[in-house]
Structure formats: structure tokens, C-alpha cells
Amino acid sequence: MPKMKTKSAAKKRFKITANGNVKAQAAGKRHGMIKRTNKFIRDARGTMVLAEPDARKVIKNFLPNGGGL
């Protein structure tokens, strides 16, 4: 039986914290900043913790060896 592999793209996009939460970058900041409000650009700075249902999907499908949710 082959080993279950971690998706390489997910390794680069998500980090699992010690508590099992999933940290990710904010979406919507690659291009088109002129049409975005300054508030949106400020709020999308840095990383954020994903909501529980989204984190469960990321771990189950992409990071099976990452954490136990």
C-alpha cells in the first residue's frame, strides 16, 4: 500500500499551528489593487486563521500528515 502524500502546493500555502488551526494568506491581493478599498487592502495584510470547516477540508484533502482535526 503506497504512502499518502502531502500536496506540494498546499505545503507552500498553508501552515498548521500547534493547536491544529490552519493559517493562510488573505485572498484577493495579487492584482487589481486600484479597484480595492484601502480598508480591504489593510485588512488583507498578513496571515489569518481559517474557519473550522475550511481548515478541516484543507487538512483532510491536502495535508493528511499535518494535523489531526
N, C-alpha and C. Protein backbone atom coordinates (compact mmCIF):
# COMPACT_ATOMS: atom_id res chain seq x y z
N MET A 1 0.84 -1.19 0.00
CA MET A 1 0.00 0.00 0.00
C MET A 1 0.89 1.25 0.00
N PRO A 2 0.74 2.14 -0.98
CA PRO A 2 1.60 3.32 -1.02
C PRO A 2 1.25 4.32 0.07
N LYS A 3 2.23 5.14 0.40
CA LYS A 3 2.01 6.16 1.42
C LYS A 3 1.13 7.28 0.86
N MET A 4 0.38 7.93 1.76
CA MET A 4 -0.43 9.07 1.37
C MET A 4 0.48 10.30 1.34
N LYS A 5 0.46 11.02 0.23
CA LYS A 5 1.38 12.14 0.08
C LYS A 5 0.70 13.47 0.37
N THR A 6 1.49 14.43 0.86
CA THR A 6 1.04 15.80 1.05
C THR A 6 1.12 16.53 -0.28
N LYS A 7 0.12 17.35 -0.58
CA LYS A 7 0.14 18.14 -1.80
C LYS A 7 1.20 19.24 -1.66
N SER A 8 2.10 19.34 -2.64
CA SER A 8 3.19 20.31 -2.57
C SER A 8 2.67 21.74 -2.61
N ALA A 9 1.58 21.97 -3.35
CA ALA A 9 1.03 23.32 -3.42
C ALA A 9 0.48 23.74 -2.07
N ALA A 10 -0.11 22.80 -1.34
CA ALA A 10 -0.67 23.12 -0.02
C ALA A 10 0.43 23.41 0.99
N LYS A 11 1.57 22.73 0.85
CA LYS A 11 2.69 22.98 1.76
C LYS A 11 3.13 24.43 1.69
N LYS A 12 3.05 25.00 0.47
CA LYS A 12 3.52 26.37 0.27
C LYS A 12 2.48 27.40 0.69
N ARG A 13 1.21 27.01 0.78
CA ARG A 13 0.15 27.98 1.01
C ARG A 13 -0.41 27.97 2.42
N PHE A 14 -0.28 26.85 3.13
CA PHE A 14 -0.89 26.72 4.45
C PHE A 14 0.15 26.30 5.47
N LYS A 15 -0.06 26.73 6.72
CA LYS A 15 0.74 26.26 7.85
C LYS A 15 -0.23 25.80 8.93
N ILE A 16 0.11 24.73 9.61
CA ILE A 16 -0.71 24.24 10.71
C ILE A 16 -0.07 24.66 12.01
N THR A 17 -0.86 25.32 12.87
CA THR A 17 -0.35 25.81 14.14
C THR A 17 -0.28 24.67 15.15
N ALA A 18 0.28 24.96 16.31
CA ALA A 18 0.42 23.93 17.35
C ALA A 18 -0.94 23.46 17.84
N ASN A 19 -1.95 24.34 17.80
CA ASN A 19 -3.29 23.96 18.25
C ASN A 19 -4.08 23.24 17.17
N GLY A 20 -3.52 23.10 15.97
CA GLY A 20 -4.22 22.42 14.90
C GLY A 20 -5.00 23.35 13.99
N ASN A 21 -4.89 24.66 14.21
CA ASN A 21 -5.53 25.61 13.30
C ASN A 21 -4.72 25.70 12.01
N VAL A 22 -5.34 26.23 10.96
CA VAL A 22 -4.66 26.37 9.69
C VAL A 22 -4.53 27.86 9.39
N LYS A 23 -3.29 28.30 9.16
CA LYS A 23 -3.03 29.69 8.81
C LYS A 23 -2.85 29.79 7.31
N ALA A 24 -3.38 30.88 6.72
CA ALA A 24 -3.28 31.08 5.28
C ALA A 24 -3.19 32.57 5.00
N GLN A 25 -2.69 32.89 3.82
CA GLN A 25 -2.64 34.28 3.37
C GLN A 25 -4.04 34.73 2.99
N ALA A 26 -4.26 36.04 3.03
CA ALA A 26 -5.54 36.59 2.61
C ALA A 26 -5.68 36.50 1.10
N ALA A 27 -6.90 36.29 0.63
CA ALA A 27 -7.16 36.19 -0.80
C ALA A 27 -7.43 37.57 -1.38
N GLY A 28 -7.22 37.70 -2.68
CA GLY A 28 -7.62 38.92 -3.38
C GLY A 28 -6.58 40.02 -3.39
N LYS A 29 -5.30 39.68 -3.24
CA LYS A 29 -4.28 40.73 -3.21
C LYS A 29 -3.23 40.58 -4.30
N ARG A 30 -3.49 39.80 -5.33
CA ARG A 30 -2.48 39.58 -6.36
C ARG A 30 -2.43 40.72 -7.37
N HIS A 31 -3.57 41.21 -7.77
CA HIS A 31 -3.60 42.29 -8.76
C HIS A 31 -4.91 43.03 -8.60
N GLY A 32 -5.04 44.16 -9.32
CA GLY A 32 -6.29 44.93 -9.26
C GLY A 32 -6.45 45.70 -7.97
N MET A 33 -5.34 46.19 -7.40
CA MET A 33 -5.43 46.90 -6.13
C MET A 33 -6.11 48.26 -6.26
N ILE A 34 -6.13 48.80 -7.47
CA ILE A 34 -6.72 50.14 -7.65
C ILE A 34 -8.21 50.11 -7.36
N LYS A 35 -8.87 49.03 -7.74
CA LYS A 35 -10.32 48.98 -7.52
C LYS A 35 -10.68 48.55 -6.11
N ARG A 36 -9.73 48.10 -5.30
CA ARG A 36 -10.00 47.69 -3.93
C ARG A 36 -9.95 48.90 -3.01
N THR A 37 -10.71 48.83 -1.94
CA THR A 37 -10.69 49.94 -0.98
C THR A 37 -9.44 49.82 -0.11
N ASN A 38 -9.03 50.93 0.46
CA ASN A 38 -7.87 50.92 1.35
C ASN A 38 -8.13 50.04 2.56
N LYS A 39 -9.36 50.01 3.03
CA LYS A 39 -9.72 49.16 4.17
C LYS A 39 -9.52 47.68 3.83
N PHE A 40 -9.93 47.29 2.63
CA PHE A 40 -9.75 45.89 2.21
C PHE A 40 -8.27 45.54 2.17
N ILE A 41 -7.46 46.42 1.59
CA ILE A 41 -6.02 46.15 1.47
C ILE A 41 -5.38 46.03 2.85
N ARG A 42 -5.77 46.90 3.79
CA ARG A 42 -5.24 46.84 5.15
C ARG A 42 -5.65 45.54 5.84
N ASP A 43 -6.93 45.20 5.71
CA ASP A 43 -7.44 44.02 6.42
C ASP A 43 -6.87 42.73 5.85
N ALA A 44 -6.49 42.73 4.58
CA ALA A 44 -5.98 41.52 3.95
C ALA A 44 -4.47 41.37 4.12
N ARG A 45 -3.87 42.18 4.95
CA ARG A 45 -2.43 42.11 5.17
C ARG A 45 -2.10 40.95 6.11
N GLY A 46 -1.00 40.27 5.86
CA GLY A 46 -0.55 39.22 6.77
C GLY A 46 -1.32 37.92 6.59
N THR A 47 -1.31 37.11 7.64
CA THR A 47 -1.97 35.81 7.58
C THR A 47 -3.20 35.81 8.48
N MET A 48 -4.07 34.83 8.24
CA MET A 48 -5.26 34.69 9.08
C MET A 48 -5.52 33.22 9.33
N VAL A 49 -6.27 32.94 10.36
CA VAL A 49 -6.63 31.57 10.70
C VAL A 49 -7.91 31.22 9.96
N LEU A 50 -7.91 30.09 9.26
CA LEU A 50 -9.09 29.67 8.52
C LEU A 50 -10.19 29.23 9.48
N ALA A 51 -11.44 29.36 9.03
CA ALA A 51 -12.57 28.88 9.81
C ALA A 51 -12.50 27.36 9.91
N GLU A 52 -13.15 26.83 10.92
CA GLU A 52 -13.08 25.40 11.22
C GLU A 52 -13.48 24.50 10.05
N PRO A 53 -14.61 24.77 9.35
CA PRO A 53 -14.95 23.88 8.22
C PRO A 53 -13.93 23.93 7.10
N ASP A 54 -13.39 25.11 6.81
CA ASP A 54 -12.38 25.22 5.76
C ASP A 54 -11.09 24.52 6.17
N ALA A 55 -10.71 24.68 7.43
CA ALA A 55 -9.49 24.04 7.91
C ALA A 55 -9.60 22.53 7.83
N ARG A 56 -10.78 22.00 8.15
CA ARG A 56 -10.98 20.55 8.09
C ARG A 56 -10.81 20.03 6.67
N LYS A 57 -11.33 20.80 5.69
CA LYS A 57 -11.19 20.38 4.29
C LYS A 57 -9.73 20.40 3.85
N VAL A 58 -9.00 21.44 4.24
CA VAL A 58 -7.59 21.56 3.84
C VAL A 58 -6.79 20.40 4.41
N ILE A 59 -6.99 20.09 5.68
CA ILE A 59 -6.21 19.03 6.30
C ILE A 59 -6.59 17.67 5.71
N LYS A 60 -7.87 17.43 5.52
CA LYS A 60 -8.31 16.12 5.03
C LYS A 60 -7.83 15.86 3.61
N ASN A 61 -7.94 16.86 2.74
CA ASN A 61 -7.66 16.64 1.33
C ASN A 61 -6.21 16.91 0.93
N PHE A 62 -5.56 17.87 1.58
CA PHE A 62 -4.26 18.32 1.09
C PHE A 62 -3.11 18.07 2.06
N LEU A 63 -3.37 18.10 3.36
CA LEU A 63 -2.29 17.93 4.33
C LEU A 63 -2.62 16.77 5.29
N PRO A 64 -2.70 15.56 4.76
CA PRO A 64 -3.14 14.45 5.62
C PRO A 64 -2.17 14.14 6.75
N ASN A 65 -0.90 14.44 6.58
CA ASN A 65 0.09 14.16 7.62
C ASN A 65 0.29 15.35 8.55
N GLY A 66 -0.45 16.45 8.31
CA GLY A 66 -0.19 17.69 9.02
C GLY A 66 -0.76 17.75 10.41
N GLY A 67 -1.99 17.39 10.60
CA GLY A 67 -2.59 17.53 11.92
C GLY A 67 -3.86 16.74 12.04
N GLY A 68 -4.30 16.54 13.25
CA GLY A 68 -5.48 15.72 13.47
C GLY A 68 -6.69 16.54 13.82
N LEU A 69 -7.48 16.93 12.84
CA LEU A 69 -8.76 17.61 13.13
C LEU A 69 -9.90 16.66 12.85
